[in-house]
């Protein structure tokens, strides 16, 4: 396994001599309101299901997902998280050359590297808040057979409108496009921005339950594509890939009950409010710049003598873990990412961060 990921609460806890639960993990992009209480209660009440094998092909789970989004179940496959699909895509598609929209999640490159597949980046510039020029990208795609796009993107938090993505994919019919929508539910109006219902045969959409519903340990992911591509993946799918509790969670979350819909609405509203407060808090600082985000996390640029390492170590003393973005292609040790938590934690984090920035400002004066 390649290591392209960021903060590790277990390593930091060991360094500080504390329990991992004592670490405020702002490096992990999970819904601060999740998981839904009703879901947790349901899983607790049905814990005995782990004594039996789950449905071998997760067929009912696939049908529940397909019904929720009004798509053909033959276009859907369920797996042990989206990571399972990311690492199998280059092999199953027999990718020769891959292009990755960057800066972004490291696993797309790692998946190619493991298979010894040539890959390159189409890197958006800081000067335009890391928004991709779609006309330039369309030209750059020439010569590649697979393109990875995280939308909305991690770590920048920006989103490419679905209409632009549809046009890009349509204009390159001989190229396979992998659109990772793991963070899309955090976006206001996410249903209108999803590519799940795209009829283009060269589009593959990754959908994750982990981030929005706060259940990464259950490992639930879906791949949505044409029946032809899904059939290829089914050939390689291992039996019992989705565990019993994960399948139960999907059935609950896909029912569109009032509880689930309220949870979704409250999350989107809460995230938008917290983002606004943090942007207002730091808008006049000369040593940190927050980039616009549509998600639960924010990318920030550091100035002066501040570096991601320095700030990370400073916050670690208060048992706060942030994401050092120096290992993202296209970024450097001047970038950090932090994920929104509860209002109380966000205020505490802002206070600690402002204190460190004020120290640096006084030195520069």
Protein backbone atom coordinates (compact mmCIF):
# COMPACT_ATOMS: atom_id res chain seq x y z
CA UNK A 1 0.00 0.00 0.00
CA UNK A 2 1.31 3.42 -0.94
CA UNK A 3 1.03 6.23 1.60
CA UNK A 4 -0.35 9.38 0.02
CA UNK A 5 -2.67 10.25 2.87
CA UNK A 6 -2.30 12.88 5.54
CA UNK A 7 -2.80 13.17 9.27
CA UNK A 8 -2.90 10.10 11.48
CA UNK A 9 -4.55 10.46 14.89
CA UNK A 10 -2.93 7.24 16.12
CA UNK A 11 0.59 8.49 15.42
CA UNK A 12 -0.10 11.85 17.04
CA UNK A 13 -1.73 10.24 20.07
CA UNK A 14 1.34 8.06 20.55
CA UNK A 15 3.61 11.11 20.30
CA UNK A 16 1.55 13.03 22.85
CA UNK A 17 0.97 10.04 25.13
CA UNK A 18 -2.80 10.28 24.97
CA UNK A 19 -5.72 8.25 23.65
CA UNK A 20 -6.71 8.81 19.99
CA UNK A 21 -10.18 9.89 21.14
CA UNK A 22 -8.55 12.90 22.82
CA UNK A 23 -7.33 14.23 19.46
CA UNK A 24 -9.51 16.78 17.66
CA UNK A 25 -9.10 15.39 14.15
CA UNK A 26 -9.62 18.29 11.75
CA UNK A 27 -7.63 16.45 9.10
CA UNK A 28 -10.45 13.98 8.47
CA UNK A 29 -13.28 15.11 6.19
CA UNK A 30 -16.29 13.68 8.00
CA UNK A 31 -19.71 15.17 8.63
CA UNK A 32 -19.55 16.82 12.08
CA UNK A 33 -23.26 16.03 12.59
CA UNK A 34 -22.99 12.34 11.77
CA UNK A 35 -23.66 9.55 11.90
CA UNK A 36 -27.45 9.94 12.13
CA UNK A 37 -28.71 8.86 15.57
CA UNK A 38 -31.47 6.67 14.13
CA UNK A 39 -28.93 4.82 12.00
CA UNK A 40 -26.67 4.18 14.98
CA UNK A 41 -29.62 2.84 16.98
CA UNK A 42 -30.63 0.58 14.10
CA UNK A 43 -27.14 -0.90 13.81
CA UNK A 44 -26.88 -1.42 17.57
CA UNK A 45 -30.22 -3.19 17.65
CA UNK A 46 -29.17 -5.49 14.82
CA UNK A 47 -25.57 -6.19 15.81
CA UNK A 48 -26.33 -9.93 15.78
CA UNK A 49 -26.43 -9.82 11.98
CA UNK A 50 -22.64 -10.10 12.06
CA UNK A 51 -23.05 -13.76 13.00
CA UNK A 52 -24.34 -14.53 9.50
CA UNK A 53 -22.90 -13.96 6.05
CA UNK A 54 -24.23 -10.91 4.22
CA UNK A 55 -25.96 -11.18 0.85
CA UNK A 56 -23.21 -12.50 -1.40
CA UNK A 57 -23.60 -9.98 -4.24
CA UNK A 58 -25.26 -7.15 -2.27
CA UNK A 59 -28.00 -7.22 -4.88
CA UNK A 60 -30.71 -5.78 -2.63
CA UNK A 61 -28.30 -3.05 -1.58
CA UNK A 62 -27.68 -2.15 -5.21
CA UNK A 63 -31.43 -2.06 -5.85
CA UNK A 64 -31.99 0.23 -2.87
CA UNK A 65 -29.38 2.66 -4.19
CA UNK A 66 -30.76 2.50 -7.74
CA UNK A 67 -34.32 3.10 -6.54
CA UNK A 68 -33.21 6.13 -4.53
CA UNK A 69 -31.63 7.79 -7.57
CA UNK A 70 -34.08 6.43 -10.19
CA UNK A 71 -31.46 4.64 -12.27
CA UNK A 72 -31.19 1.17 -13.77
CA UNK A 73 -29.68 -1.25 -11.20
CA UNK A 74 -27.70 -2.78 -14.06
CA UNK A 75 -25.69 0.45 -14.00
CA UNK A 76 -24.67 0.05 -10.34
CA UNK A 77 -22.25 -2.09 -8.40
CA UNK A 78 -21.58 -1.96 -4.64
CA UNK A 79 -18.22 -2.50 -3.00
CA UNK A 80 -16.08 -2.24 0.10
CA UNK A 81 -15.82 1.54 -0.13
CA UNK A 82 -14.89 3.60 -3.21
CA UNK A 83 -11.22 2.79 -2.56
CA UNK A 84 -11.87 -0.74 -3.79
CA UNK A 85 -13.00 0.64 -7.13
CA UNK A 86 -10.30 3.31 -7.43
CA UNK A 87 -7.56 0.69 -7.16
CA UNK A 88 -9.24 -1.72 -9.54
CA UNK A 89 -10.19 0.79 -12.26
CA UNK A 90 -6.80 0.99 -14.02
CA UNK A 91 -6.49 -2.80 -14.14
CA UNK A 92 -10.05 -3.58 -15.24
CA UNK A 93 -10.15 -0.80 -17.84
CA UNK A 94 -6.66 -1.78 -19.04
CA UNK A 95 -5.58 1.84 -18.73
CA UNK A 96 -2.47 2.80 -20.67
CA UNK A 97 -2.17 6.50 -19.81
CA UNK A 98 -4.10 8.34 -17.13
CA UNK A 99 -4.61 12.05 -16.56
CA UNK A 100 -5.48 13.28 -13.07
CA UNK A 101 -7.03 16.68 -12.36
CA UNK A 102 -4.84 18.11 -9.59
CA UNK A 103 -4.16 19.02 -6.86
CA UNK A 104 -6.24 16.15 -5.60
CA UNK A 105 -6.64 12.94 -3.63
CA UNK A 106 -3.50 10.78 -3.84
CA UNK A 107 -5.17 7.41 -4.37
CA UNK A 108 -5.82 7.97 -8.09
CA UNK A 109 -2.08 8.26 -8.70
CA UNK A 110 -1.32 5.43 -6.27
CA UNK A 111 -3.76 3.15 -8.09
CA UNK A 112 -1.93 3.80 -11.35
CA UNK A 113 1.51 3.46 -9.78
CA UNK A 114 0.70 0.04 -8.31
CA UNK A 115 -0.22 -1.16 -11.81
CA UNK A 116 2.88 0.51 -13.35
CA UNK A 117 0.60 2.71 -15.45
CA UNK A 118 1.85 6.02 -16.81
CA UNK A 119 -0.01 9.00 -15.35
CA UNK A 120 0.27 12.78 -15.44
CA UNK A 121 -1.48 15.75 -13.87
CA UNK A 122 -3.62 18.56 -15.21
CA UNK A 123 -2.90 21.03 -12.42
CA UNK A 124 -5.10 24.03 -11.70
CA UNK A 125 -3.32 27.21 -10.60
CA UNK A 126 -3.46 28.97 -7.25
CA UNK A 127 -3.99 32.30 -9.03
CA UNK A 128 -7.46 31.18 -10.12
CA UNK A 129 -8.34 29.51 -6.79
CA UNK A 130 -7.51 26.12 -8.31
CA UNK A 131 -10.42 26.21 -10.74
CA UNK A 132 -9.72 24.21 -13.89
CA UNK A 133 -9.84 25.86 -17.29
CA UNK A 134 -12.09 23.40 -19.08
CA UNK A 135 -11.01 24.51 -22.55
CA UNK A 136 -7.36 23.95 -21.67
CA UNK A 137 -8.20 20.63 -20.00
CA UNK A 138 -10.04 19.48 -23.12
CA UNK A 139 -6.84 19.99 -25.12
CA UNK A 140 -4.64 18.33 -22.52
CA UNK A 141 -6.75 15.16 -22.46
CA UNK A 142 -5.58 14.26 -25.95
CA UNK A 143 -3.45 11.10 -25.78
CA UNK A 144 -4.92 9.77 -22.52
CA UNK A 145 -7.46 6.96 -22.17
CA UNK A 146 -8.53 7.49 -18.54
CA UNK A 147 -9.19 10.73 -16.64
CA UNK A 148 -9.70 11.01 -12.87
CA UNK A 149 -11.70 13.97 -11.55
CA UNK A 150 -12.68 14.48 -7.90
CA UNK A 151 -15.81 16.64 -7.89
CA UNK A 152 -16.09 18.51 -5.60
CA UNK A 153 -12.37 18.29 -5.25
CA UNK A 154 -10.27 17.28 -2.28
CA UNK A 155 -8.40 19.32 -0.98
CA UNK A 156 -9.49 22.51 -2.79
CA UNK A 157 -13.23 22.19 -2.15
CA UNK A 158 -14.24 23.61 -5.53
CA UNK A 159 -16.66 22.02 -7.96
CA UNK A 160 -16.89 21.74 -11.74
CA UNK A 161 -20.52 22.28 -12.84
CA UNK A 162 -22.18 19.09 -14.08
CA UNK A 163 -22.99 20.72 -17.43
CA UNK A 164 -19.29 21.43 -18.04
CA UNK A 165 -18.31 17.90 -17.07
CA UNK A 166 -20.98 16.43 -19.31
CA UNK A 167 -19.69 18.43 -22.25
CA UNK A 168 -16.08 17.45 -21.54
CA UNK A 169 -16.92 13.75 -21.36
CA UNK A 170 -19.15 13.94 -24.43
CA UNK A 171 -16.43 15.59 -26.51
CA UNK A 172 -13.95 12.79 -25.67
CA UNK A 173 -16.05 9.69 -26.29
CA UNK A 174 -12.98 7.44 -26.53
CA UNK A 175 -11.76 8.39 -23.04
CA UNK A 176 -12.98 6.87 -19.77
CA UNK A 177 -13.85 9.51 -17.16
CA UNK A 178 -13.86 8.61 -13.47
CA UNK A 179 -15.87 11.22 -11.54
CA UNK A 180 -15.46 10.86 -7.77
CA UNK A 181 -18.49 12.41 -6.06
CA UNK A 182 -17.59 11.35 -2.52
CA UNK A 183 -18.14 14.90 -1.18
CA UNK A 184 -21.00 15.98 -3.42
CA UNK A 185 -23.75 15.67 -0.79
CA UNK A 186 -22.16 18.53 1.16
CA UNK A 187 -22.92 20.85 -1.76
CA UNK A 188 -26.10 22.91 -1.71
CA UNK A 189 -28.25 21.58 -4.56
CA UNK A 190 -26.09 18.47 -4.92
CA UNK A 191 -28.77 16.55 -6.82
CA UNK A 192 -28.48 18.91 -9.77
CA UNK A 193 -24.71 18.54 -9.90
CA UNK A 194 -24.41 14.76 -9.89
CA UNK A 195 -23.30 12.79 -12.94
CA UNK A 196 -25.01 9.62 -11.65
CA UNK A 197 -27.80 9.90 -14.21
CA UNK A 198 -25.50 10.64 -17.14
CA UNK A 199 -26.24 8.40 -20.11
CA UNK A 200 -22.72 8.73 -21.51
CA UNK A 201 -21.12 5.26 -21.79
CA UNK A 202 -17.63 6.54 -20.95
CA UNK A 203 -18.55 8.01 -17.55
CA UNK A 204 -17.95 6.24 -14.23
CA UNK A 205 -19.21 7.86 -11.03
CA UNK A 206 -17.93 6.96 -7.57
CA UNK A 207 -20.38 7.46 -4.70
CA UNK A 208 -19.40 7.13 -1.05
CA UNK A 209 -21.55 6.85 2.08
CA UNK A 210 -18.56 7.37 4.38
CA UNK A 211 -17.97 11.11 4.41
CA UNK A 212 -21.47 12.57 4.53
CA UNK A 213 -23.04 10.05 6.87
CA UNK A 214 -19.94 9.67 9.07
CA UNK A 215 -19.60 5.89 8.74
CA UNK A 216 -16.15 5.26 7.18
CA UNK A 217 -15.67 2.11 9.22
CA UNK A 218 -18.57 0.39 7.47
CA UNK A 219 -16.87 0.72 4.05
CA UNK A 220 -19.71 1.45 1.63
CA UNK A 221 -19.09 2.59 -1.93
CA UNK A 222 -20.82 2.46 -5.28
CA UNK A 223 -19.67 2.60 -8.88
CA UNK A 224 -22.23 3.84 -11.40
CA UNK A 225 -21.60 3.50 -15.12
CA UNK A 226 -22.91 1.89 -18.30
CA UNK A 227 -24.10 -1.74 -18.08
CA UNK A 228 -21.14 -2.74 -20.26
CA UNK A 229 -18.57 -1.31 -17.85
CA UNK A 230 -20.43 -2.57 -14.77
CA UNK A 231 -20.40 -6.08 -16.26
CA UNK A 232 -16.60 -5.88 -16.52
CA UNK A 233 -16.32 -4.99 -12.84
CA UNK A 234 -18.71 -7.73 -11.77
CA UNK A 235 -16.32 -10.26 -13.30
CA UNK A 236 -13.71 -9.24 -10.72
CA UNK A 237 -16.02 -8.60 -7.76
CA UNK A 238 -15.26 -10.75 -4.74
CA UNK A 239 -18.19 -12.41 -2.94
CA UNK A 240 -19.43 -10.77 0.27
CA UNK A 241 -17.70 -7.48 -0.55
CA UNK A 242 -20.26 -5.47 1.44
CA UNK A 243 -20.68 -6.50 5.09
CA UNK A 244 -24.03 -7.08 6.81
CA UNK A 245 -24.12 -3.84 8.79
CA UNK A 246 -23.09 -1.83 5.74
CA UNK A 247 -25.92 -3.32 3.71
CA UNK A 248 -28.37 -2.53 6.50
CA UNK A 249 -27.12 1.07 6.61
CA UNK A 250 -27.68 1.51 2.88
CA UNK A 251 -31.24 0.24 3.10
CA UNK A 252 -31.97 2.74 5.88
CA UNK A 253 -30.26 5.73 4.24
CA UNK A 254 -31.82 5.17 0.82
CA UNK A 255 -35.43 5.14 2.02
CA UNK A 256 -35.74 8.93 1.91
CA UNK A 257 -37.41 9.00 5.31
CA UNK A 258 -38.13 12.33 6.99
CA UNK A 259 -35.25 11.66 9.41
CA UNK A 260 -32.70 11.13 6.64
CA UNK A 261 -33.91 14.09 4.58
CA UNK A 262 -33.80 16.36 7.64
CA UNK A 263 -30.29 15.14 8.43
CA UNK A 264 -29.18 16.02 4.88
CA UNK A 265 -30.77 19.48 4.99
CA UNK A 266 -29.38 20.27 8.44
CA UNK A 267 -25.89 19.20 7.39
CA UNK A 268 -25.79 21.36 4.26
CA UNK A 269 -27.11 24.36 6.20
CA UNK A 270 -24.72 23.85 9.13
CA UNK A 271 -21.66 23.46 6.90
CA UNK A 272 -22.52 26.64 4.97
CA UNK A 273 -22.93 28.62 8.20
CA UNK A 274 -19.67 27.38 9.71
CA UNK A 275 -17.74 28.06 6.51
CA UNK A 276 -19.04 31.63 6.48
CA UNK A 277 -18.01 32.24 10.10
CA UNK A 278 -14.47 30.98 9.49
CA UNK A 279 -14.05 33.02 6.32
CA UNK A 280 -15.20 36.12 8.19
CA UNK A 281 -12.79 35.35 11.02
CA UNK A 282 -9.72 35.26 8.80
CA UNK A 283 -10.69 37.59 5.95
CA UNK A 284 -8.44 40.44 7.11
CA UNK A 285 -5.38 38.37 7.95
CA UNK A 286 -2.26 38.94 5.86
CA UNK A 287 -0.73 35.58 6.82
CA UNK A 288 -3.47 33.14 5.88
CA UNK A 289 -5.82 32.94 2.90
CA UNK A 290 -8.83 30.65 2.83
CA UNK A 291 -9.93 29.39 -0.58
CA UNK A 292 -13.64 29.19 -1.45
CA UNK A 293 -15.12 25.76 -0.72
CA UNK A 294 -18.39 23.97 -1.40
CA UNK A 295 -17.67 21.17 1.07
CA UNK A 296 -17.00 20.40 4.74
CA UNK A 297 -13.29 21.25 4.46
CA UNK A 298 -11.27 24.35 3.60
CA UNK A 299 -7.89 24.75 1.92
CA UNK A 300 -5.72 27.57 3.24
CA UNK A 301 -2.49 29.24 2.07
CA UNK A 302 0.08 30.40 4.64
CA UNK A 303 2.35 33.43 4.30
CA UNK A 304 5.25 35.02 6.16
CA UNK A 305 7.34 32.43 7.96
CA UNK A 306 4.38 30.14 8.62
CA UNK A 307 4.59 26.64 7.20
CA UNK A 308 2.31 23.63 7.42
CA UNK A 309 4.86 21.83 9.61
CA UNK A 310 5.19 24.76 12.00
CA UNK A 311 1.46 25.27 12.31
CA UNK A 312 0.80 21.56 12.56
CA UNK A 313 3.23 21.14 15.45
CA UNK A 314 1.84 24.21 17.20
CA UNK A 315 -1.76 22.97 17.03
CA UNK A 316 -0.70 19.43 17.95
CA UNK A 317 0.29 20.70 21.38
CA UNK A 318 -3.39 21.46 21.88
CA UNK A 319 -4.25 18.02 20.50
CA UNK A 320 -5.58 19.40 17.23
CA UNK A 321 -4.68 17.61 14.01
CA UNK A 322 -4.83 19.41 10.64
CA UNK A 323 -3.88 18.22 7.16
CA UNK A 324 -0.42 19.18 5.92
CA UNK A 325 -0.91 19.53 2.16
CA UNK A 326 2.74 19.44 1.12
CA UNK A 327 2.39 15.97 -0.42
CA UNK A 328 -0.41 17.00 -2.78
CA UNK A 329 0.92 17.40 -6.32
CA UNK A 330 0.63 21.11 -7.14
CA UNK A 331 0.73 22.32 -3.53
CA UNK A 332 3.56 22.89 -1.04
CA UNK A 333 4.35 23.17 2.66
CA UNK A 334 2.54 26.53 2.61
CA UNK A 335 -0.86 24.85 2.36
CA UNK A 336 -3.05 23.28 5.00
CA UNK A 337 -6.54 21.81 4.97
CA UNK A 338 -8.92 21.63 7.90
CA UNK A 339 -12.32 20.03 8.16
CA UNK A 340 -15.26 21.66 9.90
CA UNK A 341 -16.40 20.15 13.19
CA UNK A 342 -18.95 21.30 15.76
CA UNK A 343 -19.43 25.02 16.25
CA UNK A 344 -17.64 24.86 19.60
CA UNK A 345 -14.63 23.07 18.15
CA UNK A 346 -14.48 25.40 15.15
CA UNK A 347 -14.36 28.47 17.44
CA UNK A 348 -11.68 26.87 19.58
CA UNK A 349 -9.65 26.02 16.48
CA UNK A 350 -10.03 29.54 15.09
CA UNK A 351 -8.88 31.01 18.40
CA UNK A 352 -5.76 28.82 18.50
CA UNK A 353 -4.97 29.55 14.87
CA UNK A 354 -5.45 33.30 15.31
CA UNK A 355 -3.14 33.23 18.33
CA UNK A 356 -0.35 31.64 16.29
CA UNK A 357 -0.90 34.07 13.42
CA UNK A 358 -0.80 37.03 15.82
CA UNK A 359 2.55 35.79 17.18
CA UNK A 360 3.95 35.67 13.67
CA UNK A 361 2.56 39.11 12.80
CA UNK A 362 4.19 40.64 15.87
CA UNK A 363 7.55 39.12 14.87
CA UNK A 364 7.27 40.51 11.35
CA UNK A 365 6.57 43.99 12.68
